[in-house]
Amino acid sequence: MQCRFGCGACCTAPSITSPIPGMPNGKMAGEPCIQLLDDYRCAIFGDASRPKVCTDFTAEEYACGNNREEAITILTLMEVDTSPIHTSLLKRKDQ
């Protein structure tokens, strides 16, 4: 799957804990990356300063859905499901 023009969901929905140029502490989930341009393209795409997590992410239907809104929803749910708080609550529930 090719990255969808005008999406930028992967630059908004998930948290990023590694430094991003202009965001030395990364970004919180739901917070647009400072490198996200007005047309939802990455200003540092292909640049060596781009975080590894961003470089390693590839557009896939399971994560990106059929449009930007679906991608935001899917990636937000993935963020919640993998958050340390959610994971620890699930462990408690199973015990």
PDB file of N, CA and C in Angstrom:
ATOM      1  N   MET A   1       0.847  -1.183   0.000  1.00  0.00           N
ATOM      2  CA  MET A   1       0.000   0.000   0.000  1.00  0.00           C
ATOM      3  C   MET A   1       0.886   1.238   0.000  1.00  0.00           C
ATOM      4  N   GLN A   2       0.536   2.216  -0.780  1.00  0.00           N
ATOM      5  CA  GLN A   2       1.252   3.487  -0.804  1.00  0.00           C
ATOM      6  C   GLN A   2       0.687   4.410   0.274  1.00  0.00           C
ATOM      7  N   CYS A   3       1.530   5.229   0.838  1.00  0.00           N
ATOM      8  CA  CYS A   3       1.092   6.223   1.804  1.00  0.00           C
ATOM      9  C   CYS A   3       0.069   7.141   1.124  1.00  0.00           C
ATOM     10  N   ARG A   4      -1.026   7.410   1.816  1.00  0.00           N
ATOM     11  CA  ARG A   4      -2.124   8.196   1.260  1.00  0.00           C
ATOM     12  C   ARG A   4      -1.798   9.686   1.347  1.00  0.00           C
ATOM     13  N   PHE A   5      -1.873  10.380   0.220  1.00  0.00           N
ATOM     14  CA  PHE A   5      -1.633  11.825   0.192  1.00  0.00           C
ATOM     15  C   PHE A   5      -2.687  12.520   1.055  1.00  0.00           C
ATOM     16  N   GLY A   6      -2.260  13.465   1.865  1.00  0.00           N
ATOM     17  CA  GLY A   6      -3.170  14.234   2.696  1.00  0.00           C
ATOM     18  C   GLY A   6      -3.670  13.494   3.914  1.00  0.00           C
ATOM     19  N   CYS A   7      -2.929  12.515   4.408  1.00  0.00           N
ATOM     20  CA  CYS A   7      -3.378  11.743   5.570  1.00  0.00           C
ATOM     21  C   CYS A   7      -2.681  12.225   6.844  1.00  0.00           C
ATOM     22  N   GLY A   8      -1.452  11.836   7.053  1.00  0.00           N
ATOM     23  CA  GLY A   8      -0.705  12.260   8.233  1.00  0.00           C
ATOM     24  C   GLY A   8      -1.191  11.668   9.546  1.00  0.00           C
ATOM     25  N   ALA A   9      -2.044  10.645   9.491  1.00  0.00           N
ATOM     26  CA  ALA A   9      -2.559  10.038  10.719  1.00  0.00           C
ATOM     27  C   ALA A   9      -1.434   9.469  11.575  1.00  0.00           C
ATOM     28  N   CYS A  10      -0.429   8.879  10.943  1.00  0.00           N
ATOM     29  CA  CYS A  10       0.683   8.296  11.693  1.00  0.00           C
ATOM     30  C   CYS A  10       1.557   9.372  12.331  1.00  0.00           C
ATOM     31  N   CYS A  11       1.385  10.601  11.931  1.00  0.00           N
ATOM     32  CA  CYS A  11       2.121  11.731  12.510  1.00  0.00           C
ATOM     33  C   CYS A  11       1.300  12.437  13.591  1.00  0.00           C
ATOM     34  N   THR A  12       0.105  11.921  13.844  1.00  0.00           N
ATOM     35  CA  THR A  12      -0.797  12.545  14.808  1.00  0.00           C
ATOM     36  C   THR A  12      -1.244  11.569  15.894  1.00  0.00           C
ATOM     37  N   ALA A  13      -1.812  10.447  15.515  1.00  0.00           N
ATOM     38  CA  ALA A  13      -2.458   9.537  16.469  1.00  0.00           C
ATOM     39  C   ALA A  13      -1.504   8.905  17.484  1.00  0.00           C
ATOM     40  N   PRO A  14      -0.395   8.299  17.069  1.00  0.00           N
ATOM     41  CA  PRO A  14       0.440   7.604  18.056  1.00  0.00           C
ATOM     42  C   PRO A  14       1.379   8.541  18.814  1.00  0.00           C
ATOM     43  N   SER A  15       1.746   8.090  20.002  1.00  0.00           N
ATOM     44  CA  SER A  15       2.805   8.791  20.733  1.00  0.00           C
ATOM     45  C   SER A  15       4.138   8.384  20.114  1.00  0.00           C
ATOM     46  N   ILE A  16       5.114   9.259  20.241  1.00  0.00           N
ATOM     47  CA  ILE A  16       6.477   8.963  19.796  1.00  0.00           C
ATOM     48  C   ILE A  16       7.382   9.347  20.944  1.00  0.00           C
ATOM     49  N   THR A  17       8.120   8.381  21.464  1.00  0.00           N
ATOM     50  CA  THR A  17       8.953   8.640  22.643  1.00  0.00           C
ATOM     51  C   THR A  17      10.375   9.064  22.295  1.00  0.00           C
ATOM     52  N   SER A  18      10.781   8.882  21.060  1.00  0.00           N
ATOM     53  CA  SER A  18      12.127   9.290  20.664  1.00  0.00           C
ATOM     54  C   SER A  18      12.116  10.761  20.243  1.00  0.00           C
ATOM     55  N   PRO A  19      13.282  11.411  20.324  1.00  0.00           N
ATOM     56  CA  PRO A  19      13.351  12.819  19.930  1.00  0.00           C
ATOM     57  C   PRO A  19      13.000  13.023  18.458  1.00  0.00           C
ATOM     58  N   ILE A  20      12.332  14.128  18.208  1.00  0.00           N
ATOM     59  CA  ILE A  20      11.976  14.576  16.867  1.00  0.00           C
ATOM     60  C   ILE A  20      12.566  15.981  16.751  1.00  0.00           C
ATOM     61  N   PRO A  21      13.164  16.364  15.624  1.00  0.00           N
ATOM     62  CA  PRO A  21      13.641  17.737  15.519  1.00  0.00           C
ATOM     63  C   PRO A  21      12.524  18.724  15.868  1.00  0.00           C
ATOM     64  N   GLY A  22      12.783  19.559  16.860  1.00  0.00           N
ATOM     65  CA  GLY A  22      11.784  20.516  17.331  1.00  0.00           C
ATOM     66  C   GLY A  22      10.929  19.981  18.472  1.00  0.00           C
ATOM     67  N   MET A  23      11.030  18.698  18.755  1.00  0.00           N
ATOM     68  CA  MET A  23      10.298  18.052  19.846  1.00  0.00           C
ATOM     69  C   MET A  23      11.259  17.076  20.541  1.00  0.00           C
ATOM     70  N   PRO A  24      12.180  17.588  21.331  1.00  0.00           N
ATOM     71  CA  PRO A  24      13.226  16.742  21.906  1.00  0.00           C
ATOM     72  C   PRO A  24      12.715  15.626  22.809  1.00  0.00           C
ATOM     73  N   ASN A  25      11.502  15.767  23.337  1.00  0.00           N
ATOM     74  CA  ASN A  25      10.926  14.735  24.202  1.00  0.00           C
ATOM     75  C   ASN A  25       9.910  13.871  23.474  1.00  0.00           C
ATOM     76  N   GLY A  26       9.887  13.940  22.158  1.00  0.00           N
ATOM     77  CA  GLY A  26       8.909  13.194  21.388  1.00  0.00           C
ATOM     78  C   GLY A  26       7.566  13.906  21.417  1.00  0.00           C
ATOM     79  N   LYS A  27       6.478  13.140  21.236  1.00  0.00           N
ATOM     80  CA  LYS A  27       5.147  13.749  21.225  1.00  0.00           C
ATOM     81  C   LYS A  27       4.132  12.823  21.874  1.00  0.00           C
ATOM     82  N   MET A  28       3.088  13.416  22.391  1.00  0.00           N
ATOM     83  CA  MET A  28       2.013  12.646  23.005  1.00  0.00           C
ATOM     84  C   MET A  28       1.060  12.138  21.924  1.00  0.00           C
ATOM     85  N   ALA A  29       0.325  11.083  22.241  1.00  0.00           N
ATOM     86  CA  ALA A  29      -0.696  10.563  21.333  1.00  0.00           C
ATOM     87  C   ALA A  29      -1.735  11.645  21.078  1.00  0.00           C
ATOM     88  N   GLY A  30      -2.128  11.792  19.836  1.00  0.00           N
ATOM     89  CA  GLY A  30      -3.120  12.785  19.460  1.00  0.00           C
ATOM     90  C   GLY A  30      -2.550  14.157  19.174  1.00  0.00           C
ATOM     91  N   GLU A  31      -1.303  14.361  19.500  1.00  0.00           N
ATOM     92  CA  GLU A  31      -0.630  15.640  19.252  1.00  0.00           C
ATOM     93  C   GLU A  31       0.030  15.585  17.879  1.00  0.00           C
ATOM     94  N   PRO A  32      -0.287  16.520  16.994  1.00  0.00           N
ATOM     95  CA  PRO A  32       0.381  16.511  15.691  1.00  0.00           C
ATOM     96  C   PRO A  32       1.886  16.765  15.848  1.00  0.00           C
ATOM     97  N   CYS A  33       2.673  16.047  15.097  1.00  0.00           N
ATOM     98  CA  CYS A  33       4.116  16.253  15.092  1.00  0.00           C
ATOM     99  C   CYS A  33       4.410  17.656  14.568  1.00  0.00           C
ATOM    100  N   ILE A  34       5.401  18.296  15.127  1.00  0.00           N
ATOM    101  CA  ILE A  34       5.785  19.633  14.684  1.00  0.00           C
ATOM    102  C   ILE A  34       6.273  19.617  13.236  1.00  0.00           C
ATOM    103  N   GLN A  35       6.702  18.459  12.759  1.00  0.00           N
ATOM    104  CA  GLN A  35       7.204  18.326  11.387  1.00  0.00           C
ATOM    105  C   GLN A  35       6.094  18.038  10.376  1.00  0.00           C
ATOM    106  N   LEU A  36       4.848  17.938  10.841  1.00  0.00           N
ATOM    107  CA  LEU A  36       3.723  17.687   9.945  1.00  0.00           C
ATOM    108  C   LEU A  36       3.316  18.997   9.278  1.00  0.00           C
ATOM    109  N   LEU A  37       3.395  19.012   7.964  1.00  0.00           N
ATOM    110  CA  LEU A  37       3.065  20.214   7.203  1.00  0.00           C
ATOM    111  C   LEU A  37       1.551  20.388   7.081  1.00  0.00           C
ATOM    112  N   ASP A  38       1.118  21.554   6.647  1.00  0.00           N
ATOM    113  CA  ASP A  38      -0.312  21.854   6.505  1.00  0.00           C
ATOM    114  C   ASP A  38      -1.027  20.888   5.557  1.00  0.00           C
ATOM    115  N   ASP A  39      -0.306  20.329   4.589  1.00  0.00           N
ATOM    116  CA  ASP A  39      -0.920  19.380   3.662  1.00  0.00           C
ATOM    117  C   ASP A  39      -0.727  17.930   4.122  1.00  0.00           C
ATOM    118  N   TYR A  40      -0.347  17.757   5.396  1.00  0.00           N
ATOM    119  CA  TYR A  40      -0.175  16.453   6.052  1.00  0.00           C
ATOM    120  C   TYR A  40       1.000  15.643   5.528  1.00  0.00           C
ATOM    121  N   ARG A  41       1.968  16.302   4.930  1.00  0.00           N
ATOM    122  CA  ARG A  41       3.215  15.634   4.562  1.00  0.00           C
ATOM    123  C   ARG A  41       4.230  15.879   5.660  1.00  0.00           C
ATOM    124  N   CYS A  42       5.230  15.001   5.731  1.00  0.00           N
ATOM    125  CA  CYS A  42       6.296  15.125   6.719  1.00  0.00           C
ATOM    126  C   CYS A  42       7.397  16.031   6.168  1.00  0.00           C
ATOM    127  N   ALA A  43       7.742  17.052   6.926  1.00  0.00           N
ATOM    128  CA  ALA A  43       8.778  17.996   6.495  1.00  0.00           C
ATOM    129  C   ALA A  43      10.167  17.367   6.483  1.00  0.00           C
ATOM    130  N   ILE A  44      10.351  16.270   7.230  1.00  0.00           N
ATOM    131  CA  ILE A  44      11.680  15.651   7.302  1.00  0.00           C
ATOM    132  C   ILE A  44      11.684  14.238   6.702  1.00  0.00           C
ATOM    133  N   PHE A  45      10.689  13.935   5.869  1.00  0.00           N
ATOM    134  CA  PHE A  45      10.646  12.631   5.216  1.00  0.00           C
ATOM    135  C   PHE A  45      11.931  12.431   4.426  1.00  0.00           C
ATOM    136  N   GLY A  46      12.587  11.286   4.620  1.00  0.00           N
ATOM    137  CA  GLY A  46      13.829  10.986   3.917  1.00  0.00           C
ATOM    138  C   GLY A  46      15.064  11.602   4.553  1.00  0.00           C
ATOM    139  N   ASP A  47      14.895  12.414   5.580  1.00  0.00           N
ATOM    140  CA  ASP A  47      16.011  13.064   6.271  1.00  0.00           C
ATOM    141  C   ASP A  47      16.537  12.132   7.365  1.00  0.00           C
ATOM    142  N   ALA A  48      17.826  12.151   7.583  1.00  0.00           N
ATOM    143  CA  ALA A  48      18.437  11.299   8.610  1.00  0.00           C
ATOM    144  C   ALA A  48      17.972  11.650  10.019  1.00  0.00           C
ATOM    145  N   SER A  49      17.450  12.840  10.222  1.00  0.00           N
ATOM    146  CA  SER A  49      16.997  13.249  11.551  1.00  0.00           C
ATOM    147  C   SER A  49      15.604  12.703  11.885  1.00  0.00           C
ATOM    148  N   ARG A  50      14.953  12.104  10.915  1.00  0.00           N
ATOM    149  CA  ARG A  50      13.614  11.526  11.144  1.00  0.00           C
ATOM    150  C   ARG A  50      13.738  10.347  12.102  1.00  0.00           C
ATOM    151  N   PRO A  51      12.868  10.264  13.122  1.00  0.00           N
ATOM    152  CA  PRO A  51      12.969   9.161  14.086  1.00  0.00           C
ATOM    153  C   PRO A  51      12.842   7.795  13.425  1.00  0.00           C
ATOM    154  N   LYS A  52      13.549   6.822  13.967  1.00  0.00           N
ATOM    155  CA  LYS A  52      13.534   5.459  13.433  1.00  0.00           C
ATOM    156  C   LYS A  52      12.118   4.898  13.404  1.00  0.00           C
ATOM    157  N   VAL A  53      11.327   5.171  14.434  1.00  0.00           N
ATOM    158  CA  VAL A  53       9.957   4.652  14.478  1.00  0.00           C
ATOM    159  C   VAL A  53       9.155   5.152  13.277  1.00  0.00           C
ATOM    160  N   CYS A  54       9.413   6.360  12.849  1.00  0.00           N
ATOM    161  CA  CYS A  54       8.728   6.925  11.683  1.00  0.00           C
ATOM    162  C   CYS A  54       9.240   6.284  10.398  1.00  0.00           C
ATOM    163  N   THR A  55      10.543   6.134  10.300  1.00  0.00           N
ATOM    164  CA  THR A  55      11.148   5.525   9.125  1.00  0.00           C
ATOM    165  C   THR A  55      10.689   4.083   8.964  1.00  0.00           C
ATOM    166  N   ASP A  56      10.533   3.367  10.080  1.00  0.00           N
ATOM    167  CA  ASP A  56      10.151   1.960  10.040  1.00  0.00           C
ATOM    168  C   ASP A  56       8.664   1.749   9.769  1.00  0.00           C
ATOM    169  N   PHE A  57       7.834   2.769   9.986  1.00  0.00           N
ATOM    170  CA  PHE A  57       6.399   2.620   9.770  1.00  0.00           C
ATOM    171  C   PHE A  57       6.103   2.570   8.279  1.00  0.00           C
ATOM    172  N   THR A  58       5.334   1.581   7.865  1.00  0.00           N
ATOM    173  CA  THR A  58       4.911   1.506   6.464  1.00  0.00           C
ATOM    174  C   THR A  58       3.391   1.489   6.408  1.00  0.00           C
ATOM    175  N   ALA A  59       2.851   2.142   5.424  1.00  0.00           N
ATOM    176  CA  ALA A  59       1.402   2.191   5.247  1.00  0.00           C
ATOM    177  C   ALA A  59       0.888   0.786   4.944  1.00  0.00           C
ATOM    178  N   GLU A  60      -0.025   0.330   5.766  1.00  0.00           N
ATOM    179  CA  GLU A  60      -0.663  -0.977   5.601  1.00  0.00           C
ATOM    180  C   GLU A  60      -2.149  -0.801   5.862  1.00  0.00           C
ATOM    181  N   GLU A  61      -2.975  -1.541   5.155  1.00  0.00           N
ATOM    182  CA  GLU A  61      -4.417  -1.383   5.291  1.00  0.00           C
ATOM    183  C   GLU A  61      -4.897  -1.622   6.722  1.00  0.00           C
ATOM    184  N   TYR A  62      -4.292  -2.598   7.435  1.00  0.00           N
ATOM    185  CA  TYR A  62      -4.724  -2.881   8.804  1.00  0.00           C
ATOM    186  C   TYR A  62      -4.529  -1.682   9.731  1.00  0.00           C
ATOM    187  N   ALA A  63      -3.589  -0.817   9.424  1.00  0.00           N
ATOM    188  CA  ALA A  63      -3.317   0.354  10.260  1.00  0.00           C
ATOM    189  C   ALA A  63      -3.888   1.639   9.672  1.00  0.00           C
ATOM    190  N   CYS A  64      -4.008   1.691   8.366  1.00  0.00           N
ATOM    191  CA  CYS A  64      -4.388   2.936   7.693  1.00  0.00           C
ATOM    192  C   CYS A  64      -5.838   2.976   7.219  1.00  0.00           C
ATOM    193  N   GLY A  65      -6.506   1.829   7.203  1.00  0.00           N
ATOM    194  CA  GLY A  65      -7.899   1.809   6.771  1.00  0.00           C
ATOM    195  C   GLY A  65      -8.070   2.328   5.352  1.00  0.00           C
ATOM    196  N   ASN A  66      -9.224   2.944   5.105  1.00  0.00           N
ATOM    197  CA  ASN A  66      -9.553   3.426   3.764  1.00  0.00           C
ATOM    198  C   ASN A  66      -9.443   4.934   3.597  1.00  0.00           C
ATOM    199  N   ASN A  67      -9.241   5.654   4.701  1.00  0.00           N
ATOM    200  CA  ASN A  67      -9.127   7.113   4.628  1.00  0.00           C
ATOM    201  C   ASN A  67      -8.486   7.639   5.912  1.00  0.00           C
ATOM    202  N   ARG A  68      -8.240   8.933   5.957  1.00  0.00           N
ATOM    203  CA  ARG A  68      -7.566   9.545   7.107  1.00  0.00           C
ATOM    204  C   ARG A  68      -8.338   9.300   8.402  1.00  0.00           C
ATOM    205  N   GLU A  69      -9.652   9.448   8.364  1.00  0.00           N
ATOM    206  CA  GLU A  69     -10.456   9.292   9.580  1.00  0.00           C
ATOM    207  C   GLU A  69     -10.346   7.869  10.125  1.00  0.00           C
ATOM    208  N   GLU A  70     -10.409   6.881   9.243  1.00  0.00           N
ATOM    209  CA  GLU A  70     -10.242   5.496   9.686  1.00  0.00           C
ATOM    210  C   GLU A  70      -8.848   5.279  10.253  1.00  0.00           C
ATOM    211  N   ALA A  71      -7.849   5.839   9.603  1.00  0.00           N
ATOM    212  CA  ALA A  71      -6.473   5.678  10.072  1.00  0.00           C
ATOM    213  C   ALA A  71      -6.300   6.284  11.463  1.00  0.00           C
ATOM    214  N   ILE A  72      -6.860   7.464  11.704  1.00  0.00           N
ATOM    215  CA  ILE A  72      -6.778   8.084  13.032  1.00  0.00           C
ATOM    216  C   ILE A  72      -7.429   7.168  14.064  1.00  0.00           C
ATOM    217  N   THR A  73      -8.609   6.631  13.736  1.00  0.00           N
ATOM    218  CA  THR A  73      -9.318   5.752  14.669  1.00  0.00           C
ATOM    219  C   THR A  73      -8.519   4.493  14.960  1.00  0.00           C
ATOM    220  N   ILE A  74      -8.038   3.835  13.922  1.00  0.00           N
ATOM    221  CA  ILE A  74      -7.288   2.586  14.085  1.00  0.00           C
ATOM    222  C   ILE A  74      -6.006   2.816  14.882  1.00  0.00           C
ATOM    223  N   LEU A  75      -5.248   3.831  14.502  1.00  0.00           N
ATOM    224  CA  LEU A  75      -3.975   4.089  15.186  1.00  0.00           C
ATOM    225  C   LEU A  75      -4.198   4.545  16.628  1.00  0.00           C
ATOM    226  N   THR A  76      -5.282   5.263  16.882  1.00  0.00           N
ATOM    227  CA  THR A  76      -5.608   5.659  18.252  1.00  0.00           C
ATOM    228  C   THR A  76      -5.942   4.430  19.089  1.00  0.00           C
ATOM    229  N   LEU A  77      -6.725   3.520  18.539  1.00  0.00           N
ATOM    230  CA  LEU A  77      -7.050   2.284  19.261  1.00  0.00           C
ATOM    231  C   LEU A  77      -5.796   1.456  19.524  1.00  0.00           C
ATOM    232  N   MET A  78      -4.888   1.392  18.560  1.00  0.00           N
ATOM    233  CA  MET A  78      -3.623   0.679  18.767  1.00  0.00           C
ATOM    234  C   MET A  78      -2.815   1.336  19.884  1.00  0.00           C
ATOM    235  N   GLU A  79      -2.810   2.661  19.898  1.00  0.00           N
ATOM    236  CA  GLU A  79      -2.091   3.407  20.940  1.00  0.00           C
ATOM    237  C   GLU A  79      -2.669   3.067  22.311  1.00  0.00           C
ATOM    238  N   VAL A  80      -3.980   3.110  22.439  1.00  0.00           N
ATOM    239  CA  VAL A  80      -4.636   2.816  23.717  1.00  0.00           C
ATOM    240  C   VAL A  80      -4.355   1.374  24.136  1.00  0.00           C
ATOM    241  N   ASP A  81      -4.505   0.441  23.196  1.00  0.00           N
ATOM    242  CA  ASP A  81      -4.323  -0.976  23.510  1.00  0.00           C
ATOM    243  C   ASP A  81      -2.906  -1.324  23.939  1.00  0.00           C
ATOM    244  N   THR A  82      -1.932  -0.543  23.524  1.00  0.00           N
ATOM    245  CA  THR A  82      -0.539  -0.842  23.859  1.00  0.00           C
ATOM    246  C   THR A  82       0.035   0.093  24.915  1.00  0.00           C
ATOM    247  N   SER A  83      -0.782   0.983  25.464  1.00  0.00           N
ATOM    248  CA  SER A  83      -0.271   1.905  26.480  1.00  0.00           C
ATOM    249  C   SER A  83       0.037   1.146  27.761  1.00  0.00           C
ATOM    250  N   PRO A  84       1.053   1.556  28.496  1.00  0.00           N
ATOM    251  CA  PRO A  84       1.408   0.870  29.740  1.00  0.00           C
ATOM    252  C   PRO A  84       0.244   0.825  30.743  1.00  0.00           C
ATOM    253  N   ILE A  85      -0.551   1.858  30.822  1.00  0.00           N
ATOM    254  CA  ILE A  85      -1.668   1.880  31.760  1.00  0.00           C
ATOM    255  C   ILE A  85      -2.698   0.823  31.364  1.00  0.00           C
ATOM    256  N   HIS A  86      -3.055   0.778  30.106  1.00  0.00           N
ATOM    257  CA  HIS A  86      -4.033  -0.197  29.619  1.00  0.00           C
ATOM    258  C   HIS A  86      -3.514  -1.617  29.841  1.00  0.00           C
ATOM    259  N   THR A  87      -2.252  -1.841  29.511  1.00  0.00           N
ATOM    260  CA  THR A  87      -1.653  -3.169  29.652  1.00  0.00           C
ATOM    261  C   THR A  87      -1.649  -3.607  31.115  1.00  0.00           C
ATOM    262  N   SER A  88      -1.310  -2.703  32.031  1.00  0.00           N
ATOM    263  CA  SER A  88      -1.281  -3.086  33.448  1.00  0.00           C
ATOM    264  C   SER A  88      -2.689  -3.349  33.969  1.00  0.00           C
ATOM    265  N   LEU A  89      -3.689  -2.619  33.496  1.00  0.00           N
ATOM    266  CA  LEU A  89      -5.065  -2.875  33.903  1.00  0.00           C
ATOM    267  C   LEU A  89      -5.546  -4.224  33.412  1.00  0.00           C
ATOM    268  N   LEU A  90      -5.157  -4.601  32.191  1.00  0.00           N
ATOM    269  CA  LEU A  90      -5.533  -5.910  31.672  1.00  0.00           C
ATOM    270  C   LEU A  90      -4.891  -7.027  32.477  1.00  0.00           C
ATOM    271  N   LYS A  91      -3.637  -6.834  32.887  1.00  0.00           N
ATOM    272  CA  LYS A  91      -2.941  -7.845  33.696  1.00  0.00           C
ATOM    273  C   LYS A  91      -3.663  -8.029  35.022  1.00  0.00           C
ATOM    274  N   ARG A  92      -4.071  -6.931  35.652  1.00  0.00           N
ATOM    275  CA  ARG A  92      -4.797  -7.010  36.921  1.00  0.00           C
ATOM    276  C   ARG A  92      -6.117  -7.752  36.755  1.00  0.00           C
ATOM    277  N   LYS A  93      -6.803  -7.478  35.668  1.00  0.00           N
ATOM    278  CA  LYS A  93      -8.101  -8.102  35.403  1.00  0.00           C
ATOM    279  C   LYS A  93      -7.960  -9.601  35.247  1.00  0.00           C
ATOM    280  N   ASP A  94      -6.849 -10.046  34.634  1.00  0.00           N
ATOM    281  CA  ASP A  94      -6.617 -11.470  34.399  1.00  0.00           C
ATOM    282  C   ASP A  94      -6.188 -12.214  35.665  1.00  0.00           C
ATOM    283  N   GLN A  95      -5.750 -11.507  36.666  1.00  0.00           N
ATOM    284  CA  GLN A  95      -5.243 -12.177  37.881  1.00  0.00           C
ATOM    285  C   GLN A  95      -6.331 -12.572  38.836  1.00  0.00           C
TER     286      GLN A  95
END
